[in-house]
Amino acid sequence: MRVKSVFCAALLMVFASSVAYGAGGPMTGKSVKVGVIADVTGSAGAYGNSQKNAYELAGDDLKAGLIDAAGASLTFDVQDSASPTARR
């Protein structure tokens, strides 16, 4: 019985510290802009559009609080690398 209560207390302490860390975080109030270069147009446009969509979804998840960014506000700046079109 004592082992179980010690285990539960330890688990509760770990949970509480993780919640406190995630709520405040060392990056609270800071804004971080992440630059992304993807092949949005050209011969590899299909891959670049998928990458761009993935970063937009990640940004939405960050805003919704589904991804922990240690309190920082992350934004993704996706730019086109303008891959050349396929030769025919």
C-alpha atoms as a PDB file:
ATOM      1  CA  MET A   1       0.000   0.000   0.000  1.00  0.00           C
ATOM      2  CA  ARG A   2       2.820   2.402   0.891  1.00  0.00           C
ATOM      3  CA  VAL A   3       4.626   1.722  -2.401  1.00  0.00           C
ATOM      4  CA  LYS A   4       1.468   2.521  -4.324  1.00  0.00           C
ATOM      5  CA  SER A   5       0.965   5.853  -2.523  1.00  0.00           C
ATOM      6  CA  VAL A   6       4.624   6.837  -3.047  1.00  0.00           C
ATOM      7  CA  PHE A   7       4.326   5.956  -6.724  1.00  0.00           C
ATOM      8  CA  CYS A   8       1.133   8.008  -7.075  1.00  0.00           C
ATOM      9  CA  ALA A   9       2.733  10.970  -5.305  1.00  0.00           C
ATOM     10  CA  ALA A  10       5.787  10.812  -7.591  1.00  0.00           C
ATOM     11  CA  LEU A  11       3.576  10.576 -10.658  1.00  0.00           C
ATOM     12  CA  LEU A  12       1.539  13.551  -9.485  1.00  0.00           C
ATOM     13  CA  MET A  13       4.718  15.618  -8.970  1.00  0.00           C
ATOM     14  CA  VAL A  14       5.966  14.780 -12.476  1.00  0.00           C
ATOM     15  CA  PHE A  15       2.599  15.685 -13.980  1.00  0.00           C
ATOM     16  CA  ALA A  16       2.363  18.956 -12.039  1.00  0.00           C
ATOM     17  CA  SER A  17       5.865  20.034 -13.019  1.00  0.00           C
ATOM     18  CA  SER A  18       5.255  19.253 -16.683  1.00  0.00           C
ATOM     19  CA  VAL A  19       2.017  21.254 -16.660  1.00  0.00           C
ATOM     20  CA  ALA A  20       3.726  24.174 -14.943  1.00  0.00           C
ATOM     21  CA  TYR A  21       6.639  24.062 -17.390  1.00  0.00           C
ATOM     22  CA  GLY A  22       4.354  23.912 -20.412  1.00  0.00           C
ATOM     23  CA  ALA A  23       2.119  26.716 -19.154  1.00  0.00           C
ATOM     24  CA  GLY A  24       4.918  29.194 -18.511  1.00  0.00           C
ATOM     25  CA  GLY A  25       7.851  27.865 -20.441  1.00  0.00           C
ATOM     26  CA  PRO A  26      11.198  29.559 -20.917  1.00  0.00           C
ATOM     27  CA  MET A  27      10.066  31.171 -24.188  1.00  0.00           C
ATOM     28  CA  THR A  28       6.884  32.806 -22.875  1.00  0.00           C
ATOM     29  CA  GLY A  29       6.078  36.003 -24.726  1.00  0.00           C
ATOM     30  CA  LYS A  30       8.758  35.519 -27.403  1.00  0.00           C
ATOM     31  CA  SER A  31       7.999  35.308 -31.092  1.00  0.00           C
ATOM     32  CA  VAL A  32       9.971  32.957 -33.340  1.00  0.00           C
ATOM     33  CA  LYS A  33       9.705  33.077 -37.126  1.00  0.00           C
ATOM     34  CA  VAL A  34      10.852  29.921 -38.918  1.00  0.00           C
ATOM     35  CA  GLY A  35      11.887  30.259 -42.552  1.00  0.00           C
ATOM     36  CA  VAL A  36      11.016  27.392 -44.886  1.00  0.00           C
ATOM     37  CA  ILE A  37      12.182  26.993 -48.484  1.00  0.00           C
ATOM     38  CA  ALA A  38      10.004  24.593 -50.489  1.00  0.00           C
ATOM     39  CA  ASP A  39       9.479  23.795 -54.178  1.00  0.00           C
ATOM     40  CA  VAL A  40       5.979  25.263 -54.404  1.00  0.00           C
ATOM     41  CA  THR A  41       6.141  25.797 -58.183  1.00  0.00           C
ATOM     42  CA  GLY A  42       7.988  24.064 -60.989  1.00  0.00           C
ATOM     43  CA  SER A  43       8.639  20.374 -61.557  1.00  0.00           C
ATOM     44  CA  ALA A  44       8.599  19.521 -57.826  1.00  0.00           C
ATOM     45  CA  GLY A  45       5.544  21.638 -57.046  1.00  0.00           C
ATOM     46  CA  ALA A  46       3.474  18.675 -55.858  1.00  0.00           C
ATOM     47  CA  TYR A  47       5.973  18.006 -53.085  1.00  0.00           C
ATOM     48  CA  GLY A  48       6.371  21.653 -52.130  1.00  0.00           C
ATOM     49  CA  ASN A  49       2.625  22.213 -51.862  1.00  0.00           C
ATOM     50  CA  SER A  50       2.384  19.236 -49.516  1.00  0.00           C
ATOM     51  CA  GLN A  51       5.185  20.695 -47.408  1.00  0.00           C
ATOM     52  CA  LYS A  52       3.533  24.120 -47.376  1.00  0.00           C
ATOM     53  CA  ASN A  53       0.225  22.577 -46.283  1.00  0.00           C
ATOM     54  CA  ALA A  54       1.978  20.630 -43.523  1.00  0.00           C
ATOM     55  CA  TYR A  55       3.554  23.807 -42.132  1.00  0.00           C
ATOM     56  CA  GLU A  56       0.183  25.593 -42.256  1.00  0.00           C
ATOM     57  CA  LEU A  57      -1.417  22.718 -40.334  1.00  0.00           C
ATOM     58  CA  ALA A  58       1.409  22.778 -37.799  1.00  0.00           C
ATOM     59  CA  GLY A  59       0.854  26.521 -37.357  1.00  0.00           C
ATOM     60  CA  ASP A  60      -2.847  25.904 -36.731  1.00  0.00           C
ATOM     61  CA  ASP A  61      -2.001  23.209 -34.174  1.00  0.00           C
ATOM     62  CA  LEU A  62       0.414  25.578 -32.426  1.00  0.00           C
ATOM     63  CA  LYS A  63      -2.251  28.269 -32.194  1.00  0.00           C
ATOM     64  CA  ALA A  64      -4.747  25.735 -30.839  1.00  0.00           C
ATOM     65  CA  GLY A  65      -2.279  24.637 -28.175  1.00  0.00           C
ATOM     66  CA  LEU A  66      -1.951  21.077 -29.493  1.00  0.00           C
ATOM     67  CA  ILE A  67       1.835  21.462 -29.883  1.00  0.00           C
ATOM     68  CA  ASP A  68       3.919  22.732 -26.968  1.00  0.00           C
ATOM     69  CA  ALA A  69       6.314  25.481 -28.048  1.00  0.00           C
ATOM     70  CA  ALA A  70       7.476  26.281 -24.484  1.00  0.00           C
ATOM     71  CA  GLY A  71       5.319  29.401 -24.483  1.00  0.00           C
ATOM     72  CA  ALA A  72       6.736  30.906 -27.691  1.00  0.00           C
ATOM     73  CA  SER A  73       4.654  32.148 -30.584  1.00  0.00           C
ATOM     74  CA  LEU A  74       5.896  30.287 -33.676  1.00  0.00           C
ATOM     75  CA  THR A  75       5.136  31.300 -37.238  1.00  0.00           C
ATOM     76  CA  PHE A  76       6.296  29.677 -40.474  1.00  0.00           C
ATOM     77  CA  ASP A  77       7.346  31.756 -43.480  1.00  0.00           C
ATOM     78  CA  VAL A  78       7.161  29.418 -46.505  1.00  0.00           C
ATOM     79  CA  GLN A  79       8.961  30.712 -49.592  1.00  0.00           C
ATOM     80  CA  ASP A  80       9.190  29.154 -53.052  1.00  0.00           C
ATOM     81  CA  SER A  81      12.578  27.929 -54.226  1.00  0.00           C
ATOM     82  CA  ALA A  82      11.259  28.200 -57.802  1.00  0.00           C
ATOM     83  CA  SER A  83      12.473  24.843 -59.081  1.00  0.00           C
ATOM     84  CA  PRO A  84      12.903  24.724 -62.834  1.00  0.00           C
ATOM     85  CA  THR A  85      10.126  23.211 -64.933  1.00  0.00           C
ATOM     86  CA  ALA A  86      10.651  19.764 -66.409  1.00  0.00           C
ATOM     87  CA  ARG A  87      12.354  19.675 -69.793  1.00  0.00           C
ATOM     88  CA  ARG A  88      10.420  18.163 -72.664  1.00  0.00           C
END
